[in-house]
Amino acid sequence: MHPALGQLTQLPVAERLEIVHELWDSIAESKEQLSAEQWHREIATARLAELEGREEEEGLTREQVWEQVDQRRGS
């Protein structure tokens, strides 16, 4: 466990969520390269091959997805 975690867990949930948000943003903005585990690469390669083998018509458009969401909400 990181030494600062004990102090952070004492903060209210709203503050901890804000810290998580800021950390996530800092990670997204980072130029640091991380190496992926081999099994991650294998899964990503397999999923990409599966997607490339499909017809475009198999997916839903953004509009269709939101239409389904609205229908489930009863809107």
PDB file of N, CA and C in Angstrom:
ATOM      1  N   MET A   1       0.852  -1.177   0.000  1.00  0.00           N
ATOM      2  CA  MET A   1       0.000   0.000   0.000  1.00  0.00           C
ATOM      3  C   MET A   1       0.896   1.238   0.000  1.00  0.00           C
ATOM      4  N   HIS A   2       0.511   2.204  -0.801  1.00  0.00           N
ATOM      5  CA  HIS A   2       1.249   3.454  -0.863  1.00  0.00           C
ATOM      6  C   HIS A   2       1.095   4.185   0.470  1.00  0.00           C
ATOM      7  N   PRO A   3       2.174   4.803   0.982  1.00  0.00           N
ATOM      8  CA  PRO A   3       2.103   5.462   2.288  1.00  0.00           C
ATOM      9  C   PRO A   3       1.024   6.549   2.376  1.00  0.00           C
ATOM     10  N   ALA A   4       0.753   7.250   1.294  1.00  0.00           N
ATOM     11  CA  ALA A   4      -0.231   8.335   1.324  1.00  0.00           C
ATOM     12  C   ALA A   4      -1.663   7.814   1.329  1.00  0.00           C
ATOM     13  N   LEU A   5      -1.854   6.545   1.003  1.00  0.00           N
ATOM     14  CA  LEU A   5      -3.201   6.005   0.900  1.00  0.00           C
ATOM     15  C   LEU A   5      -3.943   6.055   2.232  1.00  0.00           C
ATOM     16  N   GLY A   6      -3.258   5.798   3.309  1.00  0.00           N
ATOM     17  CA  GLY A   6      -3.891   5.857   4.631  1.00  0.00           C
ATOM     18  C   GLY A   6      -4.501   7.213   4.903  1.00  0.00           C
ATOM     19  N   GLN A   7      -3.788   8.271   4.555  1.00  0.00           N
ATOM     20  CA  GLN A   7      -4.308   9.630   4.743  1.00  0.00           C
ATOM     21  C   GLN A   7      -5.449   9.918   3.780  1.00  0.00           C
ATOM     22  N   LEU A   8      -5.303   9.468   2.554  1.00  0.00           N
ATOM     23  CA  LEU A   8      -6.333   9.736   1.554  1.00  0.00           C
ATOM     24  C   LEU A   8      -7.655   9.061   1.903  1.00  0.00           C
ATOM     25  N   THR A   9      -7.597   7.878   2.474  1.00  0.00           N
ATOM     26  CA  THR A   9      -8.834   7.167   2.798  1.00  0.00           C
ATOM     27  C   THR A   9      -9.608   7.842   3.925  1.00  0.00           C
ATOM     28  N   GLN A  10      -8.981   8.766   4.604  1.00  0.00           N
ATOM     29  CA  GLN A  10      -9.661   9.497   5.668  1.00  0.00           C
ATOM     30  C   GLN A  10     -10.470  10.677   5.126  1.00  0.00           C
ATOM     31  N   LEU A  11     -10.244  11.038   3.880  1.00  0.00           N
ATOM     32  CA  LEU A  11     -10.971  12.159   3.268  1.00  0.00           C
ATOM     33  C   LEU A  11     -12.399  11.747   2.940  1.00  0.00           C
ATOM     34  N   PRO A  12     -13.306  12.720   2.849  1.00  0.00           N
ATOM     35  CA  PRO A  12     -14.670  12.412   2.417  1.00  0.00           C
ATOM     36  C   PRO A  12     -14.657  11.839   0.990  1.00  0.00           C
ATOM     37  N   VAL A  13     -15.658  11.034   0.675  1.00  0.00           N
ATOM     38  CA  VAL A  13     -15.729  10.361  -0.617  1.00  0.00           C
ATOM     39  C   VAL A  13     -15.662  11.361  -1.770  1.00  0.00           C
ATOM     40  N   ALA A  14     -16.352  12.475  -1.657  1.00  0.00           N
ATOM     41  CA  ALA A  14     -16.353  13.464  -2.744  1.00  0.00           C
ATOM     42  C   ALA A  14     -14.934  13.958  -3.035  1.00  0.00           C
ATOM     43  N   GLU A  15     -14.159  14.189  -1.995  1.00  0.00           N
ATOM     44  CA  GLU A  15     -12.783  14.651  -2.193  1.00  0.00           C
ATOM     45  C   GLU A  15     -11.919  13.554  -2.803  1.00  0.00           C
ATOM     46  N   ARG A  16     -12.131  12.309  -2.354  1.00  0.00           N
ATOM     47  CA  ARG A  16     -11.367  11.200  -2.929  1.00  0.00           C
ATOM     48  C   ARG A  16     -11.691  11.021  -4.403  1.00  0.00           C
ATOM     49  N   LEU A  17     -12.963  11.179  -4.765  1.00  0.00           N
ATOM     50  CA  LEU A  17     -13.335  11.071  -6.177  1.00  0.00           C
ATOM     51  C   LEU A  17     -12.688  12.175  -7.008  1.00  0.00           C
ATOM     52  N   GLU A  18     -12.608  13.367  -6.449  1.00  0.00           N
ATOM     53  CA  GLU A  18     -11.953  14.467  -7.166  1.00  0.00           C
ATOM     54  C   GLU A  18     -10.473  14.151  -7.376  1.00  0.00           C
ATOM     55  N   ILE A  19      -9.836  13.570  -6.371  1.00  0.00           N
ATOM     56  CA  ILE A  19      -8.424  13.192  -6.502  1.00  0.00           C
ATOM     57  C   ILE A  19      -8.263  12.112  -7.572  1.00  0.00           C
ATOM     58  N   VAL A  20      -9.161  11.138  -7.585  1.00  0.00           N
ATOM     59  CA  VAL A  20      -9.111  10.093  -8.612  1.00  0.00           C
ATOM     60  C   VAL A  20      -9.242  10.720  -9.993  1.00  0.00           C
ATOM     61  N   HIS A  21     -10.175  11.655 -10.130  1.00  0.00           N
ATOM     62  CA  HIS A  21     -10.386  12.340 -11.412  1.00  0.00           C
ATOM     63  C   HIS A  21      -9.110  13.064 -11.846  1.00  0.00           C
ATOM     64  N   GLU A  22      -8.505  13.781 -10.920  1.00  0.00           N
ATOM     65  CA  GLU A  22      -7.280  14.519 -11.245  1.00  0.00           C
ATOM     66  C   GLU A  22      -6.130  13.577 -11.588  1.00  0.00           C
ATOM     67  N   LEU A  23      -6.029  12.479 -10.853  1.00  0.00           N
ATOM     68  CA  LEU A  23      -4.985  11.496 -11.165  1.00  0.00           C
ATOM     69  C   LEU A  23      -5.198  10.899 -12.551  1.00  0.00           C
ATOM     70  N   TRP A  24      -6.449  10.536 -12.852  1.00  0.00           N
ATOM     71  CA  TRP A  24      -6.754   9.939 -14.153  1.00  0.00           C
ATOM     72  C   TRP A  24      -6.396  10.914 -15.271  1.00  0.00           C
ATOM     73  N   ASP A  25      -6.756  12.185 -15.102  1.00  0.00           N
ATOM     74  CA  ASP A  25      -6.420  13.199 -16.108  1.00  0.00           C
ATOM     75  C   ASP A  25      -4.912  13.316 -16.274  1.00  0.00           C
ATOM     76  N   SER A  26      -4.179  13.275 -15.164  1.00  0.00           N
ATOM     77  CA  SER A  26      -2.723  13.399 -15.255  1.00  0.00           C
ATOM     78  C   SER A  26      -2.113  12.201 -15.971  1.00  0.00           C
ATOM     79  N   ILE A  27      -2.707  11.031 -15.790  1.00  0.00           N
ATOM     80  CA  ILE A  27      -2.227   9.837 -16.498  1.00  0.00           C
ATOM     81  C   ILE A  27      -2.500   9.973 -17.989  1.00  0.00           C
ATOM     82  N   ALA A  28      -3.695  10.438 -18.331  1.00  0.00           N
ATOM     83  CA  ALA A  28      -4.062  10.593 -19.741  1.00  0.00           C
ATOM     84  C   ALA A  28      -3.161  11.603 -20.442  1.00  0.00           C
ATOM     85  N   GLU A  29      -2.721  12.619 -19.726  1.00  0.00           N
ATOM     86  CA  GLU A  29      -1.875  13.669 -20.319  1.00  0.00           C
ATOM     87  C   GLU A  29      -0.402  13.283 -20.359  1.00  0.00           C
ATOM     88  N   SER A  30      -0.043  12.242 -19.646  1.00  0.00           N
ATOM     89  CA  SER A  30       1.353  11.836 -19.550  1.00  0.00           C
ATOM     90  C   SER A  30       1.864  11.292 -20.881  1.00  0.00           C
ATOM     91  N   LYS A  31       3.100  11.570 -21.179  1.00  0.00           N
ATOM     92  CA  LYS A  31       3.752  11.053 -22.385  1.00  0.00           C
ATOM     93  C   LYS A  31       4.554   9.791 -22.072  1.00  0.00           C
ATOM     94  N   GLU A  32       4.538   9.395 -20.794  1.00  0.00           N
ATOM     95  CA  GLU A  32       5.299   8.222 -20.373  1.00  0.00           C
ATOM     96  C   GLU A  32       4.725   6.960 -21.019  1.00  0.00           C
ATOM     97  N   GLN A  33       5.605   6.139 -21.542  1.00  0.00           N
ATOM     98  CA  GLN A  33       5.205   4.893 -22.175  1.00  0.00           C
ATOM     99  C   GLN A  33       5.212   3.772 -21.142  1.00  0.00           C
ATOM    100  N   LEU A  34       4.145   3.017 -21.123  1.00  0.00           N
ATOM    101  CA  LEU A  34       4.073   1.856 -20.243  1.00  0.00           C
ATOM    102  C   LEU A  34       4.099   0.602 -21.099  1.00  0.00           C
ATOM    103  N   SER A  35       4.792  -0.397 -20.616  1.00  0.00           N
ATOM    104  CA  SER A  35       4.812  -1.643 -21.372  1.00  0.00           C
ATOM    105  C   SER A  35       3.616  -2.489 -20.969  1.00  0.00           C
ATOM    106  N   ALA A  36       3.037  -3.127 -21.936  1.00  0.00           N
ATOM    107  CA  ALA A  36       1.896  -4.003 -21.686  1.00  0.00           C
ATOM    108  C   ALA A  36       2.396  -5.428 -21.476  1.00  0.00           C
ATOM    109  N   GLU A  37       1.698  -6.138 -20.623  1.00  0.00           N
ATOM    110  CA  GLU A  37       2.022  -7.549 -20.421  1.00  0.00           C
ATOM    111  C   GLU A  37       1.744  -8.303 -21.725  1.00  0.00           C
ATOM    112  N   GLN A  38       2.437  -9.388 -21.953  1.00  0.00           N
ATOM    113  CA  GLN A  38       2.263 -10.167 -23.175  1.00  0.00           C
ATOM    114  C   GLN A  38       0.825 -10.643 -23.336  1.00  0.00           C
ATOM    115  N   TRP A  39       0.190 -11.073 -22.247  1.00  0.00           N
ATOM    116  CA  TRP A  39      -1.182 -11.575 -22.363  1.00  0.00           C
ATOM    117  C   TRP A  39      -2.145 -10.456 -22.727  1.00  0.00           C
ATOM    118  N   HIS A  40      -1.849  -9.214 -22.329  1.00  0.00           N
ATOM    119  CA  HIS A  40      -2.670  -8.073 -22.757  1.00  0.00           C
ATOM    120  C   HIS A  40      -2.568  -7.895 -24.263  1.00  0.00           C
ATOM    121  N   ARG A  41      -1.349  -7.983 -24.763  1.00  0.00           N
ATOM    122  CA  ARG A  41      -1.139  -7.840 -26.205  1.00  0.00           C
ATOM    123  C   ARG A  41      -1.882  -8.927 -26.984  1.00  0.00           C
ATOM    124  N   GLU A  42      -1.813 -10.153 -26.467  1.00  0.00           N
ATOM    125  CA  GLU A  42      -2.476 -11.269 -27.150  1.00  0.00           C
ATOM    126  C   GLU A  42      -3.991 -11.080 -27.199  1.00  0.00           C
ATOM    127  N   ILE A  43      -4.576 -10.639 -26.099  1.00  0.00           N
ATOM    128  CA  ILE A  43      -6.023 -10.401 -26.068  1.00  0.00           C
ATOM    129  C   ILE A  43      -6.391  -9.264 -27.019  1.00  0.00           C
ATOM    130  N   ALA A  44      -5.631  -8.177 -26.989  1.00  0.00           N
ATOM    131  CA  ALA A  44      -5.916  -7.038 -27.864  1.00  0.00           C
ATOM    132  C   ALA A  44      -5.805  -7.437 -29.329  1.00  0.00           C
ATOM    133  N   THR A  45      -4.786  -8.206 -29.672  1.00  0.00           N
ATOM    134  CA  THR A  45      -4.607  -8.660 -31.049  1.00  0.00           C
ATOM    135  C   THR A  45      -5.765  -9.552 -31.486  1.00  0.00           C
ATOM    136  N   ALA A  46      -6.191 -10.463 -30.604  1.00  0.00           N
ATOM    137  CA  ALA A  46      -7.301 -11.360 -30.937  1.00  0.00           C
ATOM    138  C   ALA A  46      -8.596 -10.581 -31.121  1.00  0.00           C
ATOM    139  N   ARG A  47      -8.851  -9.619 -30.252  1.00  0.00           N
ATOM    140  CA  ARG A  47     -10.079  -8.831 -30.360  1.00  0.00           C
ATOM    141  C   ARG A  47     -10.081  -7.962 -31.606  1.00  0.00           C
ATOM    142  N   LEU A  48      -8.934  -7.400 -31.945  1.00  0.00           N
ATOM    143  CA  LEU A  48      -8.839  -6.596 -33.159  1.00  0.00           C
ATOM    144  C   LEU A  48      -9.085  -7.458 -34.393  1.00  0.00           C
ATOM    145  N   ALA A  49      -8.509  -8.652 -34.422  1.00  0.00           N
ATOM    146  CA  ALA A  49      -8.721  -9.557 -35.553  1.00  0.00           C
ATOM    147  C   ALA A  49     -10.190  -9.928 -35.668  1.00  0.00           C
ATOM    148  N   GLU A  50     -10.839 -10.146 -34.533  1.00  0.00           N
ATOM    149  CA  GLU A  50     -12.266 -10.485 -34.543  1.00  0.00           C
ATOM    150  C   GLU A  50     -13.094  -9.323 -35.095  1.00  0.00           C
ATOM    151  N   LEU A  51     -12.765  -8.104 -34.686  1.00  0.00           N
ATOM    152  CA  LEU A  51     -13.502  -6.934 -35.173  1.00  0.00           C
ATOM    153  C   LEU A  51     -13.272  -6.699 -36.659  1.00  0.00           C
ATOM    154  N   GLU A  52     -12.048  -6.889 -37.106  1.00  0.00           N
ATOM    155  CA  GLU A  52     -11.742  -6.648 -38.511  1.00  0.00           C
ATOM    156  C   GLU A  52     -12.426  -7.666 -39.418  1.00  0.00           C
ATOM    157  N   GLY A  53     -12.765  -8.833 -38.895  1.00  0.00           N
ATOM    158  CA  GLY A  53     -13.413  -9.864 -39.683  1.00  0.00           C
ATOM    159  C   GLY A  53     -14.917  -9.685 -39.792  1.00  0.00           C
ATOM    160  N   ARG A  54     -15.467  -8.717 -39.115  1.00  0.00           N
ATOM    161  CA  ARG A  54     -16.918  -8.520 -39.111  1.00  0.00           C
ATOM    162  C   ARG A  54     -17.348  -7.512 -40.162  1.00  0.00           C
ATOM    163  N   GLU A  55     -18.594  -7.616 -40.520  1.00  0.00           N
ATOM    164  CA  GLU A  55     -19.195  -6.634 -41.416  1.00  0.00           C
ATOM    165  C   GLU A  55     -19.552  -5.393 -40.608  1.00  0.00           C
ATOM    166  N   GLU A  56     -19.474  -4.224 -41.212  1.00  0.00           N
ATOM    167  CA  GLU A  56     -19.818  -2.987 -40.516  1.00  0.00           C
ATOM    168  C   GLU A  56     -21.256  -2.984 -40.022  1.00  0.00           C
ATOM    169  N   GLU A  57     -22.141  -3.647 -40.749  1.00  0.00           N
ATOM    170  CA  GLU A  57     -23.549  -3.622 -40.405  1.00  0.00           C
ATOM    171  C   GLU A  57     -23.856  -4.332 -39.096  1.00  0.00           C
ATOM    172  N   GLU A  58     -22.899  -5.074 -38.551  1.00  0.00           N
ATOM    173  CA  GLU A  58     -23.145  -5.803 -37.315  1.00  0.00           C
ATOM    174  C   GLU A  58     -23.235  -4.889 -36.103  1.00  0.00           C
ATOM    175  N   GLY A  59     -22.720  -3.704 -36.190  1.00  0.00           N
ATOM    176  CA  GLY A  59     -22.737  -2.789 -35.056  1.00  0.00           C
ATOM    177  C   GLY A  59     -23.948  -1.875 -35.089  1.00  0.00           C
ATOM    178  N   LEU A  60     -24.078  -1.099 -34.039  1.00  0.00           N
ATOM    179  CA  LEU A  60     -25.154  -0.113 -33.949  1.00  0.00           C
ATOM    180  C   LEU A  60     -24.568   1.282 -34.090  1.00  0.00           C
ATOM    181  N   THR A  61     -25.341   2.170 -34.658  1.00  0.00           N
ATOM    182  CA  THR A  61     -24.914   3.557 -34.710  1.00  0.00           C
ATOM    183  C   THR A  61     -25.125   4.175 -33.328  1.00  0.00           C
ATOM    184  N   ARG A  62     -24.511   5.290 -33.104  1.00  0.00           N
ATOM    185  CA  ARG A  62     -24.684   6.013 -31.846  1.00  0.00           C
ATOM    186  C   ARG A  62     -26.158   6.344 -31.614  1.00  0.00           C
ATOM    187  N   GLU A  63     -26.827   6.746 -32.680  1.00  0.00           N
ATOM    188  CA  GLU A  63     -28.244   7.085 -32.575  1.00  0.00           C
ATOM    189  C   GLU A  63     -29.079   5.873 -32.162  1.00  0.00           C
ATOM    190  N   GLN A  64     -28.751   4.711 -32.724  1.00  0.00           N
ATOM    191  CA  GLN A  64     -29.482   3.498 -32.375  1.00  0.00           C
ATOM    192  C   GLN A  64     -29.266   3.121 -30.901  1.00  0.00           C
ATOM    193  N   VAL A  65     -28.061   3.286 -30.440  1.00  0.00           N
ATOM    194  CA  VAL A  65     -27.769   2.977 -29.039  1.00  0.00           C
ATOM    195  C   VAL A  65     -28.583   3.877 -28.126  1.00  0.00           C
ATOM    196  N   TRP A  66     -28.593   5.193 -28.401  1.00  0.00           N
ATOM    197  CA  TRP A  66     -29.335   6.122 -27.544  1.00  0.00           C
ATOM    198  C   TRP A  66     -30.840   5.890 -27.652  1.00  0.00           C
ATOM    199  N   GLU A  67     -31.287   5.464 -28.811  1.00  0.00           N
ATOM    200  CA  GLU A  67     -32.701   5.142 -28.971  1.00  0.00           C
ATOM    201  C   GLU A  67     -33.076   3.965 -28.068  1.00  0.00           C
ATOM    202  N   GLN A  68     -32.213   2.964 -28.011  1.00  0.00           N
ATOM    203  CA  GLN A  68     -32.462   1.823 -27.136  1.00  0.00           C
ATOM    204  C   GLN A  68     -32.425   2.239 -25.656  1.00  0.00           C
ATOM    205  N   VAL A  69     -31.499   3.125 -25.307  1.00  0.00           N
ATOM    206  CA  VAL A  69     -31.423   3.616 -23.938  1.00  0.00           C
ATOM    207  C   VAL A  69     -32.717   4.337 -23.576  1.00  0.00           C
ATOM    208  N   ASP A  70     -33.172   5.199 -24.458  1.00  0.00           N
ATOM    209  CA  ASP A  70     -34.413   5.942 -24.209  1.00  0.00           C
ATOM    210  C   ASP A  70     -35.599   4.995 -24.058  1.00  0.00           C
ATOM    211  N   GLN A  71     -35.648   3.959 -24.890  1.00  0.00           N
ATOM    212  CA  GLN A  71     -36.754   2.996 -24.818  1.00  0.00           C
ATOM    213  C   GLN A  71     -36.752   2.271 -23.485  1.00  0.00           C
ATOM    214  N   ARG A  72     -35.574   1.903 -23.007  1.00  0.00           N
ATOM    215  CA  ARG A  72     -35.484   1.190 -21.733  1.00  0.00           C
ATOM    216  C   ARG A  72     -35.848   2.107 -20.570  1.00  0.00           C
ATOM    217  N   ARG A  73     -35.580   3.385 -20.712  1.00  0.00           N
ATOM    218  CA  ARG A  73     -35.936   4.347 -19.665  1.00  0.00           C
ATOM    219  C   ARG A  73     -37.424   4.703 -19.702  1.00  0.00           C
ATOM    220  N   GLY A  74     -38.063   4.355 -20.811  1.00  0.00           N
ATOM    221  CA  GLY A  74     -39.458   4.695 -20.961  1.00  0.00           C
ATOM    222  C   GLY A  74     -39.677   6.109 -21.465  1.00  0.00           C
ATOM    223  N   SER A  75     -38.637   6.673 -22.077  1.00  0.00           N
ATOM    224  CA  SER A  75     -38.719   8.049 -22.593  1.00  0.00           C
ATOM    225  C   SER A  75     -39.345   8.069 -23.969  1.00  0.00           C
TER     226      SER A  75
END
